[in-house]
């Protein structure tokens, strides 16, 4: 790609990312949703701004299609890095005292918001394809997954991260995502066993893509579960002790410290990818392991350390995550999906099961009805993890176009309105969500967090 063409494209893209949310904010649209809308409008399935600018810059040399393809790949890569930063920061902001205080709602939410939607997804798919057992497990994993990239910004914007409600929703979301990833891996391996490992399998960094699935026999599920649990335990232990040594070696405020800690986080994510663990889980676990160290450093030397991470993440990379998700949205799916019954059952089954499971879990944990409805709604949006899993299923032949388009439509109709509805509910019942006893017992250790309010 010509350097001049790249510079012009990047400037135009940054301008759209900056100006678009500012204009939409006047309409009361939150920044996260604004970035998604900007991505949808400028993406290749709508206005195709990148392709149009590439053709206009053709006089600089190079094929416009190649230039646009390389630039879109760059945006996707920056979006993936933004997801890593988002999850690492979510882990760093975890309060271990609050985690212990929110134990009951975390357990209830994790179990119910995984089991009930998974069962709903299983039977929705079984209604149309009763003989396809791997496909039923895949649809169950799609229904069970949450979108941490939506849940965490909403909790943070509403200043609920230090409440029992916010901690319960965030932590249970990550736990449920881990369980859904395991279920996804099981369904994929069962499909590969039936079609053969070499029959068009999607290649990733995971070691399971390069071994014969038959070698595990019926023991794949317990073996994979054991590997994931060992990874989680080892990552927390190694990252914590390695980070503590690095903090002793580096001087407070030293620029190299940020680079080294970022290397630790990315290495943890990479090891997880080798073991078939999604980067969402690896980044959160790395951030969680560094949480106590970050809190200690803040109490000793101020909030400059977390402030630098937030500046890099919220100021640059995380916006690319939401824009890239919007760019991948295919509006043609609304007209291409020929089976209206599949779409209706998919959307209705997911929304009802998510809201019902969240409400039931919070009521069992002692919260009121508004807490239950808000918690259930927060688990409804389906974004990158769901779309990525659906793409894997389509590539393996586990999902046909009708089911894949239904998942795309599900992502659109659950991502745009639900966060705004949650904000409305919480703003109407603000006193019930901001428990004074929690704020007094667990003061906000992030002195620079307020500076990021305008983004999320």
Protein backbone atom coordinates (compact mmCIF):
# COMPACT_ATOMS: atom_id res chain seq x y z
CA UNK A 1 0.00 0.00 0.00
CA UNK A 2 1.32 3.43 -0.95
CA UNK A 3 2.28 5.39 2.18
CA UNK A 4 0.50 8.54 1.00
CA UNK A 5 -2.69 6.61 0.22
CA UNK A 6 -2.56 4.92 3.61
CA UNK A 7 -2.08 8.25 5.40
CA UNK A 8 -5.06 9.84 3.62
CA UNK A 9 -7.26 6.81 4.31
CA UNK A 10 -6.26 6.73 7.97
CA UNK A 11 -6.88 10.47 8.45
CA UNK A 12 -10.32 10.18 6.85
CA UNK A 13 -11.14 7.16 9.00
CA UNK A 14 -10.03 8.83 12.24
CA UNK A 15 -12.06 11.91 11.30
CA UNK A 16 -15.20 9.80 10.83
CA UNK A 17 -14.57 8.02 14.14
CA UNK A 18 -14.21 11.36 15.90
CA UNK A 19 -16.91 13.46 14.23
CA UNK A 20 -19.60 10.76 13.95
CA UNK A 21 -20.05 10.12 17.70
CA UNK A 22 -19.98 13.87 18.40
CA UNK A 23 -22.89 14.44 16.01
CA UNK A 24 -24.86 11.42 17.22
CA UNK A 25 -24.34 12.42 20.84
CA UNK A 26 -26.64 15.38 20.20
CA UNK A 27 -29.39 12.83 19.57
CA UNK A 28 -28.72 11.16 22.91
CA UNK A 29 -27.00 8.13 21.34
CA UNK A 30 -24.18 6.69 23.55
CA UNK A 31 -20.65 6.66 22.18
CA UNK A 32 -20.43 2.87 21.92
CA UNK A 33 -23.58 2.66 19.81
CA UNK A 34 -22.44 5.70 17.81
CA UNK A 35 -19.21 3.92 16.87
CA UNK A 36 -21.19 0.84 15.80
CA UNK A 37 -23.43 3.02 13.62
CA UNK A 38 -20.42 4.79 12.10
CA UNK A 39 -18.88 1.41 11.29
CA UNK A 40 -22.09 0.19 9.66
CA UNK A 41 -22.39 3.30 7.50
CA UNK A 42 -18.78 3.45 6.30
CA UNK A 43 -18.39 -0.33 5.96
CA UNK A 44 -18.27 -2.30 2.71
CA UNK A 45 -21.91 -3.40 3.07
CA UNK A 46 -23.27 0.17 3.08
CA UNK A 47 -21.47 3.31 1.81
CA UNK A 48 -18.10 1.52 1.40
CA UNK A 49 -16.16 4.69 2.19
CA UNK A 50 -12.80 2.89 2.23
CA UNK A 51 -13.41 1.39 -1.22
CA UNK A 52 -14.59 4.70 -2.61
CA UNK A 53 -11.56 6.59 -1.28
CA UNK A 54 -9.25 3.84 -2.55
CA UNK A 55 -10.60 4.28 -6.07
CA UNK A 56 -10.21 8.06 -5.81
CA UNK A 57 -6.58 7.59 -4.75
CA UNK A 58 -5.84 5.23 -7.62
CA UNK A 59 -3.56 7.84 -9.22
CA UNK A 60 -1.08 7.16 -6.37
CA UNK A 61 -0.56 3.64 -7.67
CA UNK A 62 -1.74 0.19 -6.65
CA UNK A 63 -5.02 -1.64 -7.16
CA UNK A 64 -7.92 0.02 -5.33
CA UNK A 65 -9.28 -3.41 -4.32
CA UNK A 66 -5.93 -4.43 -2.84
CA UNK A 67 -5.54 -1.12 -0.99
CA UNK A 68 -9.07 -1.35 0.43
CA UNK A 69 -8.53 -4.98 1.43
CA UNK A 70 -5.28 -4.22 3.25
CA UNK A 71 -6.80 -1.23 5.04
CA UNK A 72 -9.88 -3.18 6.15
CA UNK A 73 -7.60 -5.94 7.46
CA UNK A 74 -5.70 -3.32 9.43
CA UNK A 75 -8.95 -2.03 10.98
CA UNK A 76 -9.93 -5.59 11.95
CA UNK A 77 -6.51 -6.14 13.54
CA UNK A 78 -6.74 -2.89 15.50
CA UNK A 79 -10.23 -3.94 16.60
CA UNK A 80 -8.90 -7.27 17.89
CA UNK A 81 -6.18 -5.42 19.80
CA UNK A 82 -8.85 -3.10 21.16
CA UNK A 83 -10.78 -6.12 22.43
CA UNK A 84 -7.65 -7.32 24.24
CA UNK A 85 -7.24 -3.89 25.88
CA UNK A 86 -10.92 -3.74 26.81
CA UNK A 87 -10.85 -7.11 28.54
CA UNK A 88 -7.50 -6.52 30.22
CA UNK A 89 -8.77 -3.22 31.64
CA UNK A 90 -11.96 -4.95 32.77
CA UNK A 91 -9.81 -7.43 34.69
CA UNK A 92 -7.56 -4.72 36.12
CA UNK A 93 -10.55 -2.84 37.50
CA UNK A 94 -11.84 -5.93 39.28
CA UNK A 95 -12.09 -5.43 43.05
CA UNK A 96 -11.35 -8.69 44.88
CA UNK A 97 -13.24 -7.54 47.98
CA UNK A 98 -16.27 -6.88 45.81
CA UNK A 99 -15.90 -10.24 44.05
CA UNK A 100 -16.16 -11.99 47.40
CA UNK A 101 -19.15 -9.83 48.36
CA UNK A 102 -20.92 -10.68 45.08
CA UNK A 103 -20.32 -14.42 45.32
CA UNK A 104 -24.00 -15.44 45.49
CA UNK A 105 -25.24 -13.41 42.48
CA UNK A 106 -22.15 -14.43 40.47
CA UNK A 107 -22.88 -18.13 41.01
CA UNK A 108 -26.60 -17.72 40.26
CA UNK A 109 -26.03 -15.59 37.14
CA UNK A 110 -23.24 -17.80 35.80
CA UNK A 111 -25.29 -20.98 36.10
CA UNK A 112 -28.69 -19.74 34.97
CA UNK A 113 -27.59 -17.36 32.19
CA UNK A 114 -25.58 -20.22 30.70
CA UNK A 115 -27.96 -23.15 31.17
CA UNK A 116 -31.32 -21.62 30.23
CA UNK A 117 -30.16 -19.88 27.00
CA UNK A 118 -28.09 -22.94 26.02
CA UNK A 119 -31.15 -25.16 26.42
CA UNK A 120 -33.23 -22.67 24.42
CA UNK A 121 -30.67 -22.59 21.59
CA UNK A 122 -30.44 -26.38 21.59
CA UNK A 123 -34.20 -26.80 21.12
CA UNK A 124 -34.56 -23.94 18.61
CA UNK A 125 -32.06 -25.66 16.32
CA UNK A 126 -33.52 -29.09 17.08
CA UNK A 127 -36.92 -27.84 15.90
CA UNK A 128 -35.49 -27.45 12.38
CA UNK A 129 -32.58 -29.97 12.35
CA UNK A 130 -33.40 -32.68 14.93
CA UNK A 131 -30.79 -35.12 13.58
CA UNK A 132 -27.79 -32.71 13.74
CA UNK A 133 -26.35 -33.09 17.26
CA UNK A 134 -23.14 -31.02 16.71
CA UNK A 135 -25.26 -28.25 15.17
CA UNK A 136 -27.54 -28.24 18.21
CA UNK A 137 -24.53 -27.88 20.52
CA UNK A 138 -23.17 -25.04 18.35
CA UNK A 139 -26.48 -23.16 18.50
CA UNK A 140 -26.57 -23.74 22.26
CA UNK A 141 -23.11 -22.17 22.59
CA UNK A 142 -24.21 -19.18 20.48
CA UNK A 143 -27.21 -18.58 22.74
CA UNK A 144 -25.16 -19.02 25.93
CA UNK A 145 -22.40 -16.58 24.98
CA UNK A 146 -22.42 -12.99 26.22
CA UNK A 147 -20.83 -9.85 24.78
CA UNK A 148 -18.35 -8.59 27.35
CA UNK A 149 -17.43 -5.79 24.96
CA UNK A 150 -20.93 -4.36 25.44
CA UNK A 151 -21.52 -5.27 29.10
CA UNK A 152 -18.33 -3.74 30.49
CA UNK A 153 -18.63 -0.31 28.78
CA UNK A 154 -22.25 -0.01 29.95
CA UNK A 155 -21.35 -0.90 33.54
CA UNK A 156 -18.42 1.49 33.45
CA UNK A 157 -20.36 4.38 31.94
CA UNK A 158 -23.11 4.03 34.56
CA UNK A 159 -20.47 3.87 37.34
CA UNK A 160 -21.64 0.47 38.53
CA UNK A 161 -18.27 -1.30 38.43
CA UNK A 162 -17.87 -0.89 42.20
CA UNK A 163 -21.37 -2.09 43.10
CA UNK A 164 -22.38 -5.68 43.87
CA UNK A 165 -24.73 -5.56 40.88
CA UNK A 166 -22.05 -4.43 38.42
CA UNK A 167 -19.42 -6.85 39.71
CA UNK A 168 -21.87 -9.76 39.57
CA UNK A 169 -22.92 -9.05 35.98
CA UNK A 170 -19.36 -8.50 34.72
CA UNK A 171 -17.76 -11.52 36.40
CA UNK A 172 -20.61 -13.88 35.54
CA UNK A 173 -20.43 -12.68 31.92
CA UNK A 174 -16.78 -13.75 31.67
CA UNK A 175 -17.48 -17.09 33.39
CA UNK A 176 -20.38 -17.77 31.04
CA UNK A 177 -18.24 -16.87 28.03
CA UNK A 178 -15.63 -19.40 29.16
CA UNK A 179 -18.33 -22.08 29.41
CA UNK A 180 -19.78 -21.18 25.99
CA UNK A 181 -16.31 -21.30 24.41
CA UNK A 182 -15.82 -24.79 25.82
CA UNK A 183 -19.22 -25.85 24.44
CA UNK A 184 -18.31 -24.35 21.05
CA UNK A 185 -15.03 -26.27 20.98
CA UNK A 186 -16.84 -29.51 21.84
CA UNK A 187 -19.36 -29.04 19.02
CA UNK A 188 -16.60 -28.23 16.51
CA UNK A 189 -14.56 -31.26 17.50
CA UNK A 190 -17.60 -33.52 17.26
CA UNK A 191 -18.23 -32.19 13.75
CA UNK A 192 -14.60 -32.72 12.79
CA UNK A 193 -14.75 -36.28 14.04
CA UNK A 194 -17.71 -36.90 11.75
CA UNK A 195 -16.25 -35.25 8.61
CA UNK A 196 -12.53 -35.83 9.18
CA UNK A 197 -9.94 -33.33 10.40
CA UNK A 198 -8.77 -32.45 6.89
CA UNK A 199 -12.17 -31.80 5.36
CA UNK A 200 -12.13 -28.03 5.22
CA UNK A 201 -11.44 -27.44 8.89
CA UNK A 202 -10.79 -23.84 9.86
CA UNK A 203 -7.12 -23.43 10.78
CA UNK A 204 -6.21 -21.32 13.80
CA UNK A 205 -3.34 -21.26 16.28
CA UNK A 206 -5.10 -23.85 18.43
CA UNK A 207 -3.26 -27.15 18.79
CA UNK A 208 -6.61 -28.92 18.33
CA UNK A 209 -6.61 -27.87 14.69
CA UNK A 210 -3.45 -29.86 14.03
CA UNK A 211 -4.13 -33.15 15.79
CA UNK A 212 -6.41 -36.02 14.90
CA UNK A 213 -9.65 -35.59 16.90
CA UNK A 214 -10.07 -39.36 17.01
CA UNK A 215 -7.10 -39.69 19.38
CA UNK A 216 -9.26 -38.29 22.21
CA UNK A 217 -12.19 -40.56 21.51
CA UNK A 218 -15.01 -39.86 23.96
CA UNK A 219 -12.58 -38.13 26.32
CA UNK A 220 -12.28 -34.89 24.39
CA UNK A 221 -14.66 -32.87 26.58
CA UNK A 222 -13.04 -33.70 29.95
CA UNK A 223 -9.54 -33.33 28.46
CA UNK A 224 -10.33 -29.91 26.97
CA UNK A 225 -12.03 -28.77 30.18
CA UNK A 226 -8.98 -29.84 32.20
CA UNK A 227 -6.66 -27.93 29.84
CA UNK A 228 -8.75 -24.75 30.19
CA UNK A 229 -8.84 -24.97 34.00
CA UNK A 230 -5.08 -25.57 34.17
CA UNK A 231 -4.50 -22.62 31.85
CA UNK A 232 -6.63 -20.30 33.98
CA UNK A 233 -4.91 -21.32 37.20
CA UNK A 234 -1.40 -21.15 35.70
CA UNK A 235 -2.06 -17.79 34.03
CA UNK A 236 -3.24 -16.16 37.26
CA UNK A 237 -0.26 -17.52 39.22
CA UNK A 238 2.45 -16.80 36.63
CA UNK A 239 1.20 -13.36 35.59
CA UNK A 240 0.83 -12.19 39.19
CA UNK A 241 4.32 -13.24 40.30
CA UNK A 242 5.95 -12.13 37.05
CA UNK A 243 4.21 -8.77 37.25
CA UNK A 244 5.29 -8.30 40.86
CA UNK A 245 8.93 -8.86 39.92
CA UNK A 246 8.65 -6.45 37.02
CA UNK A 247 7.17 -3.78 39.28
CA UNK A 248 10.13 -4.17 41.62
CA UNK A 249 12.65 -3.90 38.80
CA UNK A 250 11.09 -0.93 37.00
CA UNK A 251 10.97 2.54 38.53
CA UNK A 252 7.56 4.17 39.13
CA UNK A 253 6.39 5.98 36.04
CA UNK A 254 8.99 4.36 33.80
CA UNK A 255 7.73 4.11 30.21
CA UNK A 256 9.23 0.65 29.74
CA UNK A 257 6.92 -0.71 32.47
CA UNK A 258 3.84 -0.21 30.29
CA UNK A 259 5.52 -1.98 27.38
CA UNK A 260 6.57 -4.94 29.53
CA UNK A 261 3.16 -5.36 31.18
CA UNK A 262 1.53 -5.18 27.75
CA UNK A 263 3.90 -7.91 26.60
CA UNK A 264 2.82 -10.06 29.56
CA UNK A 265 -0.85 -9.59 28.67
CA UNK A 266 -0.35 -10.38 24.98
CA UNK A 267 1.78 -13.43 25.81
CA UNK A 268 -0.97 -14.73 28.08
CA UNK A 269 -3.50 -14.25 25.26
CA UNK A 270 -1.23 -16.02 22.77
CA UNK A 271 -0.73 -19.05 25.02
CA UNK A 272 -4.49 -19.25 25.44
CA UNK A 273 -4.98 -19.17 21.66
CA UNK A 274 -2.56 -22.11 21.31
CA UNK A 275 -4.73 -24.05 23.77
CA UNK A 276 -7.98 -23.14 22.03
CA UNK A 277 -9.01 -20.52 24.62
CA UNK A 278 -10.55 -17.36 23.17
CA UNK A 279 -8.53 -14.13 23.51
CA UNK A 280 -11.41 -12.56 25.48
CA UNK A 281 -10.78 -15.02 28.30
CA UNK A 282 -6.98 -14.76 28.14
CA UNK A 283 -6.97 -10.96 28.25
CA UNK A 284 -9.41 -10.81 31.15
CA UNK A 285 -7.47 -13.39 33.15
CA UNK A 286 -4.21 -11.48 32.58
CA UNK A 287 -5.85 -8.24 33.69
CA UNK A 288 -7.38 -9.97 36.70
CA UNK A 289 -3.98 -11.34 37.73
CA UNK A 290 -2.48 -7.84 37.45
CA UNK A 291 -5.38 -6.25 39.33
CA UNK A 292 -3.91 -6.45 42.82
CA UNK A 293 -0.54 -5.23 41.59
CA UNK A 294 -2.14 -2.26 39.85
CA UNK A 295 -4.12 -1.38 42.97
CA UNK A 296 -0.95 -1.54 45.08
CA UNK A 297 0.97 0.64 42.64
CA UNK A 298 -1.88 3.18 42.58
CA UNK A 299 -1.96 3.39 46.38
CA UNK A 300 1.82 3.94 46.47
CA UNK A 301 2.47 6.15 43.46
CA UNK A 302 -0.89 7.46 42.24
CA UNK A 303 -3.01 6.44 39.26
CA UNK A 304 -0.55 7.10 36.44
CA UNK A 305 -0.09 3.40 35.60
CA UNK A 306 -3.74 2.55 34.97
CA UNK A 307 -4.19 6.00 33.45
CA UNK A 308 -1.66 5.17 30.72
CA UNK A 309 -3.39 1.88 29.92
CA UNK A 310 -6.74 3.67 29.75
CA UNK A 311 -5.34 6.36 27.46
CA UNK A 312 -4.02 3.80 25.00
CA UNK A 313 -7.14 1.65 25.18
CA UNK A 314 -10.07 4.05 25.39
CA UNK A 315 -8.33 6.84 23.52
CA UNK A 316 -7.19 4.83 20.50
CA UNK A 317 -7.69 1.08 20.21
CA UNK A 318 -11.07 0.30 21.79
CA UNK A 319 -13.00 2.61 19.40
CA UNK A 320 -11.60 0.53 16.51
CA UNK A 321 -13.21 -2.54 18.09
CA UNK A 322 -16.73 -1.15 17.84
CA UNK A 323 -16.19 0.41 14.41
CA UNK A 324 -14.82 -2.88 13.02
CA UNK A 325 -17.83 -4.77 14.39
CA UNK A 326 -20.12 -2.29 12.67
CA UNK A 327 -18.21 -2.62 9.40
CA UNK A 328 -18.74 -6.39 9.41
CA UNK A 329 -22.53 -6.01 9.58
CA UNK A 330 -24.23 -7.24 6.41
CA UNK A 331 -27.51 -5.43 5.75
CA UNK A 332 -28.25 -7.85 2.91
CA UNK A 333 -28.98 -10.49 5.53
CA UNK A 334 -32.38 -8.90 6.16
CA UNK A 335 -33.46 -9.73 2.65
CA UNK A 336 -31.37 -12.85 2.09
CA UNK A 337 -32.72 -14.87 4.99
CA UNK A 338 -35.59 -16.75 3.43
CA UNK A 339 -36.93 -18.52 6.50
CA UNK A 340 -38.77 -16.03 8.70
CA UNK A 341 -39.57 -18.76 11.24
CA UNK A 342 -35.89 -19.39 11.91
CA UNK A 343 -35.25 -15.67 12.46
CA UNK A 344 -38.25 -15.19 14.77
CA UNK A 345 -37.54 -18.27 16.88
CA UNK A 346 -33.85 -17.40 17.12
CA UNK A 347 -34.44 -13.81 18.25
CA UNK A 348 -37.38 -14.59 20.52
CA UNK A 349 -35.73 -17.67 22.03
CA UNK A 350 -32.53 -15.83 22.89
CA UNK A 351 -34.16 -12.65 24.26
CA UNK A 352 -36.72 -14.48 26.40
CA UNK A 353 -34.22 -17.00 27.78
CA UNK A 354 -31.61 -14.33 28.57
CA UNK A 355 -34.00 -11.93 30.30
CA UNK A 356 -35.76 -14.72 32.20
CA UNK A 357 -32.52 -16.32 33.38
CA UNK A 358 -31.03 -12.96 34.48
CA UNK A 359 -34.20 -11.98 36.33
CA UNK A 360 -34.47 -15.36 38.07
CA UNK A 361 -30.80 -15.39 39.08
CA UNK A 362 -30.88 -11.90 40.60
CA UNK A 363 -34.12 -12.60 42.44
CA UNK A 364 -32.61 -15.77 43.91
CA UNK A 365 -29.57 -13.70 44.99
CA UNK A 366 -31.77 -11.21 46.85
CA UNK A 367 -31.99 -8.37 44.31
CA UNK A 368 -35.24 -6.69 43.24
CA UNK A 369 -37.15 -7.00 39.96
CA UNK A 370 -35.45 -4.01 38.31
CA UNK A 371 -32.02 -5.47 39.06
CA UNK A 372 -33.17 -8.76 37.55
CA UNK A 373 -34.54 -7.22 34.35
CA UNK A 374 -31.44 -5.03 33.87
CA UNK A 375 -29.07 -7.97 34.45
CA UNK A 376 -31.01 -10.12 31.99
CA UNK A 377 -31.02 -7.40 29.34
CA UNK A 378 -27.27 -6.87 29.72
CA UNK A 379 -26.70 -10.47 28.63
CA UNK A 380 -28.88 -10.12 25.51
CA UNK A 381 -26.53 -8.31 23.02
CA UNK A 382 -24.65 -10.72 20.75
CA UNK A 383 -21.56 -9.33 19.06
CA UNK A 384 -18.09 -10.42 17.98
CA UNK A 385 -17.84 -13.73 19.86
CA UNK A 386 -21.21 -14.88 18.57
CA UNK A 387 -20.47 -13.81 14.99
CA UNK A 388 -17.03 -15.45 15.09
CA UNK A 389 -18.51 -18.71 16.36
CA UNK A 390 -21.23 -18.58 13.69
CA UNK A 391 -18.56 -18.03 11.01
CA UNK A 392 -16.72 -21.11 12.22
CA UNK A 393 -19.95 -23.10 12.08
CA UNK A 394 -20.71 -21.90 8.57
CA UNK A 395 -17.21 -22.72 7.33
CA UNK A 396 -17.49 -26.26 8.71
CA UNK A 397 -20.95 -26.73 7.22
CA UNK A 398 -22.61 -26.80 10.64
CA UNK A 399 -24.79 -23.77 9.85
CA UNK A 400 -26.43 -23.14 6.48
CA UNK A 401 -27.08 -19.64 5.13
CA UNK A 402 -30.51 -19.38 6.74
CA UNK A 403 -29.20 -19.99 10.25
CA UNK A 404 -26.10 -17.87 9.68
CA UNK A 405 -28.19 -14.92 8.45
CA UNK A 406 -30.49 -15.37 11.44
CA UNK A 407 -27.44 -14.97 13.73
CA UNK A 408 -26.39 -11.79 11.87
CA UNK A 409 -29.87 -10.32 12.26
CA UNK A 410 -29.84 -11.39 15.92
CA UNK A 411 -26.61 -9.43 16.44
CA UNK A 412 -28.06 -6.31 14.83
CA UNK A 413 -31.41 -6.27 16.64
CA UNK A 414 -29.90 -7.07 20.06
CA UNK A 415 -26.87 -4.79 19.92
CA UNK A 416 -28.42 -1.43 19.01
CA UNK A 417 -31.51 -0.98 21.23
CA UNK A 418 -30.69 -3.06 24.32
CA UNK A 419 -27.82 -0.98 25.83
CA UNK A 420 -29.94 2.17 25.55
CA UNK A 421 -32.85 0.37 27.23
CA UNK A 422 -30.57 -0.72 30.09
CA UNK A 423 -29.35 2.84 30.54
CA UNK A 424 -32.94 4.08 30.67
CA UNK A 425 -33.93 1.50 33.31
CA UNK A 426 -30.92 2.22 35.50
CA UNK A 427 -31.28 5.99 35.18
CA UNK A 428 -34.93 5.70 36.24
CA UNK A 429 -33.96 3.57 39.26
CA UNK A 430 -30.58 5.08 39.99
CA UNK A 431 -30.83 4.89 43.78
CA UNK A 432 -31.55 1.16 43.69
CA UNK A 433 -28.49 0.41 41.57
CA UNK A 434 -25.94 2.65 43.30
CA UNK A 435 -25.96 1.07 46.72
CA UNK A 436 -24.47 3.55 49.17
CA UNK A 437 -23.04 0.85 51.39
CA UNK A 438 -21.03 -0.56 48.49
CA UNK A 439 -19.59 2.81 47.54
CA UNK A 440 -18.58 3.50 51.15
CA UNK A 441 -17.00 0.10 51.66
CA UNK A 442 -15.25 -0.06 48.31
CA UNK A 443 -14.08 3.40 47.19
CA UNK A 444 -13.19 3.80 43.56
CA UNK A 445 -9.43 3.14 43.19
CA UNK A 446 -9.35 4.57 39.67
CA UNK A 447 -8.76 8.33 40.06
CA UNK A 448 -8.38 8.77 36.30
CA UNK A 449 -11.47 6.80 35.32
CA UNK A 450 -13.68 9.88 35.11
CA UNK A 451 -11.54 11.18 32.29
CA UNK A 452 -12.82 8.36 30.06
CA UNK A 453 -16.57 8.99 30.59
CA UNK A 454 -17.02 10.73 27.27
CA UNK A 455 -15.87 7.66 25.33
CA UNK A 456 -17.95 4.99 27.01
